[in-house]
């Protein structure tokens, strides 16, 4: 068994304009149909309305890595 085989899961995924991720749960989202919020001149896309509400209540928690729990 290769001890490095799960390395891909150890790396944090990055959201891009071409491949956005929900900032709350890191799921893939389709920007054409996903709920969205504008925060500090940047558009964030969400996998669900519930995650959008969670983000809208405390966006800095998800945008600023220093404020994450």
PDB file of N, CA and C in Angstrom:
ATOM      1  N   UNK A   1       0.848  -1.180   0.000  1.00  0.00           N
ATOM      2  CA  UNK A   1       0.000   0.000   0.000  1.00  0.00           C
ATOM      3  C   UNK A   1       0.892   1.241   0.000  1.00  0.00           C
ATOM      4  N   UNK A   2       0.519   2.206  -0.806  1.00  0.00           N
ATOM      5  CA  UNK A   2       1.284   3.434  -0.930  1.00  0.00           C
ATOM      6  C   UNK A   2       0.850   4.423   0.155  1.00  0.00           C
ATOM      7  N   UNK A   3       1.762   4.812   1.077  1.00  0.00           N
ATOM      8  CA  UNK A   3       1.377   5.739   2.143  1.00  0.00           C
ATOM      9  C   UNK A   3       1.057   7.141   1.638  1.00  0.00           C
ATOM     10  N   UNK A   4       1.437   7.464   0.425  1.00  0.00           N
ATOM     11  CA  UNK A   4       1.162   8.775  -0.146  1.00  0.00           C
ATOM     12  C   UNK A   4      -0.156   8.811  -0.927  1.00  0.00           C
ATOM     13  N   UNK A   5      -0.867   7.710  -1.001  1.00  0.00           N
ATOM     14  CA  UNK A   5      -2.048   7.621  -1.859  1.00  0.00           C
ATOM     15  C   UNK A   5      -3.167   8.575  -1.450  1.00  0.00           C
ATOM     16  N   UNK A   6      -3.245   8.953  -0.200  1.00  0.00           N
ATOM     17  CA  UNK A   6      -4.297   9.863   0.256  1.00  0.00           C
ATOM     18  C   UNK A   6      -3.828  11.309   0.345  1.00  0.00           C
ATOM     19  N   UNK A   7      -2.660  11.602  -0.176  1.00  0.00           N
ATOM     20  CA  UNK A   7      -2.112  12.948  -0.089  1.00  0.00           C
ATOM     21  C   UNK A   7      -3.032  13.988  -0.729  1.00  0.00           C
ATOM     22  N   UNK A   8      -3.713  13.622  -1.814  1.00  0.00           N
ATOM     23  CA  UNK A   8      -4.605  14.570  -2.478  1.00  0.00           C
ATOM     24  C   UNK A   8      -5.689  15.090  -1.532  1.00  0.00           C
ATOM     25  N   UNK A   9      -6.102  14.282  -0.559  1.00  0.00           N
ATOM     26  CA  UNK A   9      -7.138  14.690   0.384  1.00  0.00           C
ATOM     27  C   UNK A   9      -6.588  15.579   1.500  1.00  0.00           C
ATOM     28  N   UNK A  10      -5.292  15.582   1.689  1.00  0.00           N
ATOM     29  CA  UNK A  10      -4.670  16.377   2.734  1.00  0.00           C
ATOM     30  C   UNK A  10      -4.466  17.827   2.303  1.00  0.00           C
ATOM     31  N   UNK A  11      -4.570  18.100   1.025  1.00  0.00           N
ATOM     32  CA  UNK A  11      -4.355  19.442   0.514  1.00  0.00           C
ATOM     33  C   UNK A  11      -5.679  20.201   0.439  1.00  0.00           C
ATOM     34  N   UNK A  12      -5.650  21.447   0.884  1.00  0.00           N
ATOM     35  CA  UNK A  12      -6.851  22.283   0.830  1.00  0.00           C
ATOM     36  C   UNK A  12      -7.174  22.649  -0.610  1.00  0.00           C
ATOM     37  N   UNK A  13      -8.427  22.533  -0.969  1.00  0.00           N
ATOM     38  CA  UNK A  13      -8.871  22.913  -2.309  1.00  0.00           C
ATOM     39  C   UNK A  13      -8.990  24.426  -2.373  1.00  0.00           C
ATOM     40  N   UNK A  14      -8.823  24.970  -3.560  1.00  0.00           N
ATOM     41  CA  UNK A  14      -8.885  26.415  -3.760  1.00  0.00           C
ATOM     42  C   UNK A  14     -10.019  26.753  -4.705  1.00  0.00           C
ATOM     43  N   UNK A  15     -10.815  27.717  -4.315  1.00  0.00           N
ATOM     44  CA  UNK A  15     -11.899  28.196  -5.164  1.00  0.00           C
ATOM     45  C   UNK A  15     -11.330  29.139  -6.215  1.00  0.00           C
ATOM     46  N   UNK A  16     -11.752  28.968  -7.459  1.00  0.00           N
ATOM     47  CA  UNK A  16     -11.337  29.852  -8.544  1.00  0.00           C
ATOM     48  C   UNK A  16     -12.584  30.349  -9.268  1.00  0.00           C
ATOM     49  N   UNK A  17     -12.408  31.344 -10.137  1.00  0.00           N
ATOM     50  CA  UNK A  17     -13.544  31.836 -10.919  1.00  0.00           C
ATOM     51  C   UNK A  17     -14.108  30.746 -11.816  1.00  0.00           C
ATOM     52  N   UNK A  18     -13.242  29.897 -12.342  1.00  0.00           N
ATOM     53  CA  UNK A  18     -13.673  28.827 -13.242  1.00  0.00           C
ATOM     54  C   UNK A  18     -14.250  27.634 -12.487  1.00  0.00           C
ATOM     55  N   UNK A  19     -13.824  27.447 -11.254  1.00  0.00           N
ATOM     56  CA  UNK A  19     -14.246  26.295 -10.445  1.00  0.00           C
ATOM     57  C   UNK A  19     -14.512  26.758  -9.004  1.00  0.00           C
ATOM     58  N   UNK A  20     -15.643  27.457  -8.794  1.00  0.00           N
ATOM     59  CA  UNK A  20     -15.909  27.971  -7.443  1.00  0.00           C
ATOM     60  C   UNK A  20     -16.302  26.878  -6.458  1.00  0.00           C
ATOM     61  N   UNK A  21     -15.940  27.113  -5.210  1.00  0.00           N
ATOM     62  CA  UNK A  21     -16.313  26.225  -4.107  1.00  0.00           C
ATOM     63  C   UNK A  21     -17.141  27.023  -3.115  1.00  0.00           C
ATOM     64  N   UNK A  22     -18.088  26.367  -2.496  1.00  0.00           N
ATOM     65  CA  UNK A  22     -18.876  26.987  -1.438  1.00  0.00           C
ATOM     66  C   UNK A  22     -17.915  27.323  -0.290  1.00  0.00           C
ATOM     67  N   UNK A  23     -17.854  28.578   0.156  1.00  0.00           N
ATOM     68  CA  UNK A  23     -16.914  28.927   1.221  1.00  0.00           C
ATOM     69  C   UNK A  23     -17.280  28.325   2.582  1.00  0.00           C
ATOM     70  N   UNK A  24     -18.506  27.862   2.738  1.00  0.00           N
ATOM     71  CA  UNK A  24     -18.932  27.294   4.008  1.00  0.00           C
ATOM     72  C   UNK A  24     -18.534  25.823   4.128  1.00  0.00           C
ATOM     73  N   UNK A  25     -18.765  25.043   3.061  1.00  0.00           N
ATOM     74  CA  UNK A  25     -18.524  23.593   3.156  1.00  0.00           C
ATOM     75  C   UNK A  25     -17.527  23.056   2.132  1.00  0.00           C
ATOM     76  N   UNK A  26     -17.035  23.911   1.242  1.00  0.00           N
ATOM     77  CA  UNK A  26     -16.042  23.548   0.218  1.00  0.00           C
ATOM     78  C   UNK A  26     -16.569  22.608  -0.866  1.00  0.00           C
ATOM     79  N   UNK A  27     -17.887  22.534  -1.029  1.00  0.00           N
ATOM     80  CA  UNK A  27     -18.464  21.731  -2.115  1.00  0.00           C
ATOM     81  C   UNK A  27     -18.351  22.482  -3.433  1.00  0.00           C
ATOM     82  N   UNK A  28     -18.284  21.745  -4.539  1.00  0.00           N
ATOM     83  CA  UNK A  28     -18.323  22.348  -5.863  1.00  0.00           C
ATOM     84  C   UNK A  28     -19.685  23.001  -6.076  1.00  0.00           C
ATOM     85  N   UNK A  29     -19.685  24.154  -6.758  1.00  0.00           N
ATOM     86  CA  UNK A  29     -20.942  24.827  -7.064  1.00  0.00           C
ATOM     87  C   UNK A  29     -20.969  25.243  -8.533  1.00  0.00           C
ATOM     88  N   UNK A  30     -22.167  25.355  -9.065  1.00  0.00           N
ATOM     89  CA  UNK A  30     -22.365  25.827 -10.439  1.00  0.00           C
ATOM     90  C   UNK A  30     -22.771  27.294 -10.360  1.00  0.00           C
ATOM     91  N   UNK A  31     -21.889  28.216 -10.773  1.00  0.00           N
ATOM     92  CA  UNK A  31     -22.209  29.632 -10.633  1.00  0.00           C
ATOM     93  C   UNK A  31     -23.436  30.069 -11.428  1.00  0.00           C
ATOM     94  N   UNK A  32     -23.841  29.301 -12.418  1.00  0.00           N
ATOM     95  CA  UNK A  32     -25.024  29.655 -13.208  1.00  0.00           C
ATOM     96  C   UNK A  32     -26.313  29.471 -12.413  1.00  0.00           C
ATOM     97  N   UNK A  33     -26.309  28.564 -11.433  1.00  0.00           N
ATOM     98  CA  UNK A  33     -27.537  28.263 -10.697  1.00  0.00           C
ATOM     99  C   UNK A  33     -27.418  28.428  -9.186  1.00  0.00           C
ATOM    100  N   UNK A  34     -26.225  28.633  -8.676  1.00  0.00           N
ATOM    101  CA  UNK A  34     -25.995  28.668  -7.229  1.00  0.00           C
ATOM    102  C   UNK A  34     -26.452  29.979  -6.605  1.00  0.00           C
ATOM    103  N   UNK A  35     -26.931  29.919  -5.350  1.00  0.00           N
ATOM    104  CA  UNK A  35     -27.179  31.160  -4.611  1.00  0.00           C
ATOM    105  C   UNK A  35     -25.861  31.911  -4.467  1.00  0.00           C
ATOM    106  N   UNK A  36     -25.914  33.249  -4.394  1.00  0.00           N
ATOM    107  CA  UNK A  36     -24.667  34.004  -4.306  1.00  0.00           C
ATOM    108  C   UNK A  36     -24.816  35.214  -3.401  1.00  0.00           C
ATOM    109  N   UNK A  37     -23.674  35.674  -2.905  1.00  0.00           N
ATOM    110  CA  UNK A  37     -23.599  36.889  -2.095  1.00  0.00           C
ATOM    111  C   UNK A  37     -22.412  37.700  -2.568  1.00  0.00           C
ATOM    112  N   UNK A  38     -22.548  38.999  -2.478  1.00  0.00           N
ATOM    113  CA  UNK A  38     -21.452  39.910  -2.784  1.00  0.00           C
ATOM    114  C   UNK A  38     -20.900  40.419  -1.458  1.00  0.00           C
ATOM    115  N   UNK A  39     -19.601  40.224  -1.256  1.00  0.00           N
ATOM    116  CA  UNK A  39     -18.957  40.664  -0.019  1.00  0.00           C
ATOM    117  C   UNK A  39     -17.599  41.248  -0.364  1.00  0.00           C
ATOM    118  N   UNK A  40     -17.374  42.489   0.035  1.00  0.00           N
ATOM    119  CA  UNK A  40     -16.123  43.197  -0.244  1.00  0.00           C
ATOM    120  C   UNK A  40     -15.750  43.117  -1.720  1.00  0.00           C
ATOM    121  N   UNK A  41     -16.717  43.414  -2.577  1.00  0.00           N
ATOM    122  CA  UNK A  41     -16.530  43.460  -4.035  1.00  0.00           C
ATOM    123  C   UNK A  41     -16.191  42.103  -4.661  1.00  0.00           C
ATOM    124  N   UNK A  42     -16.458  41.012  -3.971  1.00  0.00           N
ATOM    125  CA  UNK A  42     -16.232  39.684  -4.522  1.00  0.00           C
ATOM    126  C   UNK A  42     -17.521  38.874  -4.411  1.00  0.00           C
ATOM    127  N   UNK A  43     -17.825  38.107  -5.445  1.00  0.00           N
ATOM    128  CA  UNK A  43     -19.014  37.259  -5.443  1.00  0.00           C
ATOM    129  C   UNK A  43     -18.650  35.881  -4.920  1.00  0.00           C
ATOM    130  N   UNK A  44     -19.433  35.409  -3.963  1.00  0.00           N
ATOM    131  CA  UNK A  44     -19.263  34.071  -3.398  1.00  0.00           C
ATOM    132  C   UNK A  44     -20.494  33.249  -3.755  1.00  0.00           C
ATOM    133  N   UNK A  45     -20.278  31.994  -4.156  1.00  0.00           N
ATOM    134  CA  UNK A  45     -21.351  31.085  -4.556  1.00  0.00           C
ATOM    135  C   UNK A  45     -21.498  29.990  -3.510  1.00  0.00           C
ATOM    136  N   UNK A  46     -22.729  29.491  -3.375  1.00  0.00           N
ATOM    137  CA  UNK A  46     -23.038  28.537  -2.309  1.00  0.00           C
ATOM    138  C   UNK A  46     -23.763  27.313  -2.853  1.00  0.00           C
ATOM    139  N   UNK A  47     -23.593  26.207  -2.157  1.00  0.00           N
ATOM    140  CA  UNK A  47     -24.241  24.963  -2.565  1.00  0.00           C
ATOM    141  C   UNK A  47     -25.706  24.930  -2.145  1.00  0.00           C
ATOM    142  N   UNK A  48     -26.079  25.785  -1.177  1.00  0.00           N
ATOM    143  CA  UNK A  48     -27.463  25.790  -0.694  1.00  0.00           C
ATOM    144  C   UNK A  48     -27.811  27.158  -0.117  1.00  0.00           C
ATOM    145  N   UNK A  49     -29.097  27.413   0.017  1.00  0.00           N
ATOM    146  CA  UNK A  49     -29.556  28.651   0.648  1.00  0.00           C
ATOM    147  C   UNK A  49     -29.144  28.694   2.123  1.00  0.00           C
ATOM    148  N   UNK A  50     -29.121  27.529   2.779  1.00  0.00           N
ATOM    149  CA  UNK A  50     -28.711  27.488   4.187  1.00  0.00           C
ATOM    150  C   UNK A  50     -27.255  27.920   4.356  1.00  0.00           C
ATOM    151  N   UNK A  51     -26.371  27.454   3.470  1.00  0.00           N
ATOM    152  CA  UNK A  51     -24.963  27.868   3.562  1.00  0.00           C
ATOM    153  C   UNK A  51     -24.815  29.354   3.243  1.00  0.00           C
ATOM    154  N   UNK A  52     -25.631  29.874   2.341  1.00  0.00           N
ATOM    155  CA  UNK A  52     -25.605  31.305   2.051  1.00  0.00           C
ATOM    156  C   UNK A  52     -25.996  32.102   3.290  1.00  0.00           C
ATOM    157  N   UNK A  53     -27.031  31.662   4.012  1.00  0.00           N
ATOM    158  CA  UNK A  53     -27.462  32.344   5.231  1.00  0.00           C
ATOM    159  C   UNK A  53     -26.373  32.280   6.303  1.00  0.00           C
ATOM    160  N   UNK A  54     -25.706  31.142   6.409  1.00  0.00           N
ATOM    161  CA  UNK A  54     -24.617  30.989   7.376  1.00  0.00           C
ATOM    162  C   UNK A  54     -23.488  31.966   7.053  1.00  0.00           C
ATOM    163  N   UNK A  55     -23.133  32.061   5.785  1.00  0.00           N
ATOM    164  CA  UNK A  55     -22.093  32.988   5.340  1.00  0.00           C
ATOM    165  C   UNK A  55     -22.509  34.434   5.600  1.00  0.00           C
ATOM    166  N   UNK A  56     -23.724  34.786   5.200  1.00  0.00           N
ATOM    167  CA  UNK A  56     -24.195  36.163   5.341  1.00  0.00           C
ATOM    168  C   UNK A  56     -24.210  36.629   6.798  1.00  0.00           C
ATOM    169  N   UNK A  57     -24.396  35.709   7.731  1.00  0.00           N
ATOM    170  CA  UNK A  57     -24.436  36.057   9.150  1.00  0.00           C
ATOM    171  C   UNK A  57     -23.044  36.407   9.690  1.00  0.00           C
ATOM    172  N   UNK A  58     -21.985  35.828   9.117  1.00  0.00           N
ATOM    173  CA  UNK A  58     -20.616  36.072   9.609  1.00  0.00           C
ATOM    174  C   UNK A  58     -19.611  35.822   8.483  1.00  0.00           C
ATOM    175  N   UNK A  59     -19.602  36.657   7.447  1.00  0.00           N
ATOM    176  CA  UNK A  59     -18.735  36.392   6.293  1.00  0.00           C
ATOM    177  C   UNK A  59     -17.244  36.367   6.605  1.00  0.00           C
ATOM    178  N   UNK A  60     -16.798  37.195   7.547  1.00  0.00           N
ATOM    179  CA  UNK A  60     -15.364  37.211   7.865  1.00  0.00           C
ATOM    180  C   UNK A  60     -14.871  35.854   8.360  1.00  0.00           C
ATOM    181  N   UNK A  61     -15.731  35.109   8.989  1.00  0.00           N
ATOM    182  CA  UNK A  61     -15.360  33.783   9.498  1.00  0.00           C
ATOM    183  C   UNK A  61     -14.950  32.849   8.356  1.00  0.00           C
ATOM    184  N   UNK A  62     -15.531  33.062   7.175  1.00  0.00           N
ATOM    185  CA  UNK A  62     -15.254  32.174   6.048  1.00  0.00           C
ATOM    186  C   UNK A  62     -14.249  32.768   5.053  1.00  0.00           C
ATOM    187  N   UNK A  63     -14.103  34.090   5.057  1.00  0.00           N
ATOM    188  CA  UNK A  63     -13.204  34.760   4.124  1.00  0.00           C
ATOM    189  C   UNK A  63     -11.815  34.931   4.721  1.00  0.00           C
ATOM    190  N   UNK A  64     -11.732  35.241   6.008  1.00  0.00           N
ATOM    191  CA  UNK A  64     -10.465  35.476   6.682  1.00  0.00           C
ATOM    192  C   UNK A  64     -10.032  34.210   7.411  1.00  0.00           C
ATOM    193  N   UNK A  65      -8.975  33.537   6.935  1.00  0.00           N
ATOM    194  CA  UNK A  65      -8.571  32.274   7.558  1.00  0.00           C
ATOM    195  C   UNK A  65      -8.162  32.412   9.024  1.00  0.00           C
ATOM    196  N   UNK A  66      -7.793  33.607   9.470  1.00  0.00           N
ATOM    197  CA  UNK A  66      -7.411  33.821  10.855  1.00  0.00           C
ATOM    198  C   UNK A  66      -8.615  33.753  11.801  1.00  0.00           C
ATOM    199  N   UNK A  67      -9.818  33.960  11.270  1.00  0.00           N
ATOM    200  CA  UNK A  67     -11.024  33.989  12.104  1.00  0.00           C
ATOM    201  C   UNK A  67     -11.775  32.668  12.118  1.00  0.00           C
ATOM    202  N   UNK A  68     -11.278  31.675  11.398  1.00  0.00           N
ATOM    203  CA  UNK A  68     -11.942  30.374  11.401  1.00  0.00           C
ATOM    204  C   UNK A  68     -11.786  29.701  12.746  1.00  0.00           C
ATOM    205  N   UNK A  69     -12.755  28.890  13.106  1.00  0.00           N
ATOM    206  CA  UNK A  69     -12.698  28.151  14.361  1.00  0.00           C
ATOM    207  C   UNK A  69     -11.719  27.025  14.272  1.00  0.00           C
TER     208      UNK A  69
END
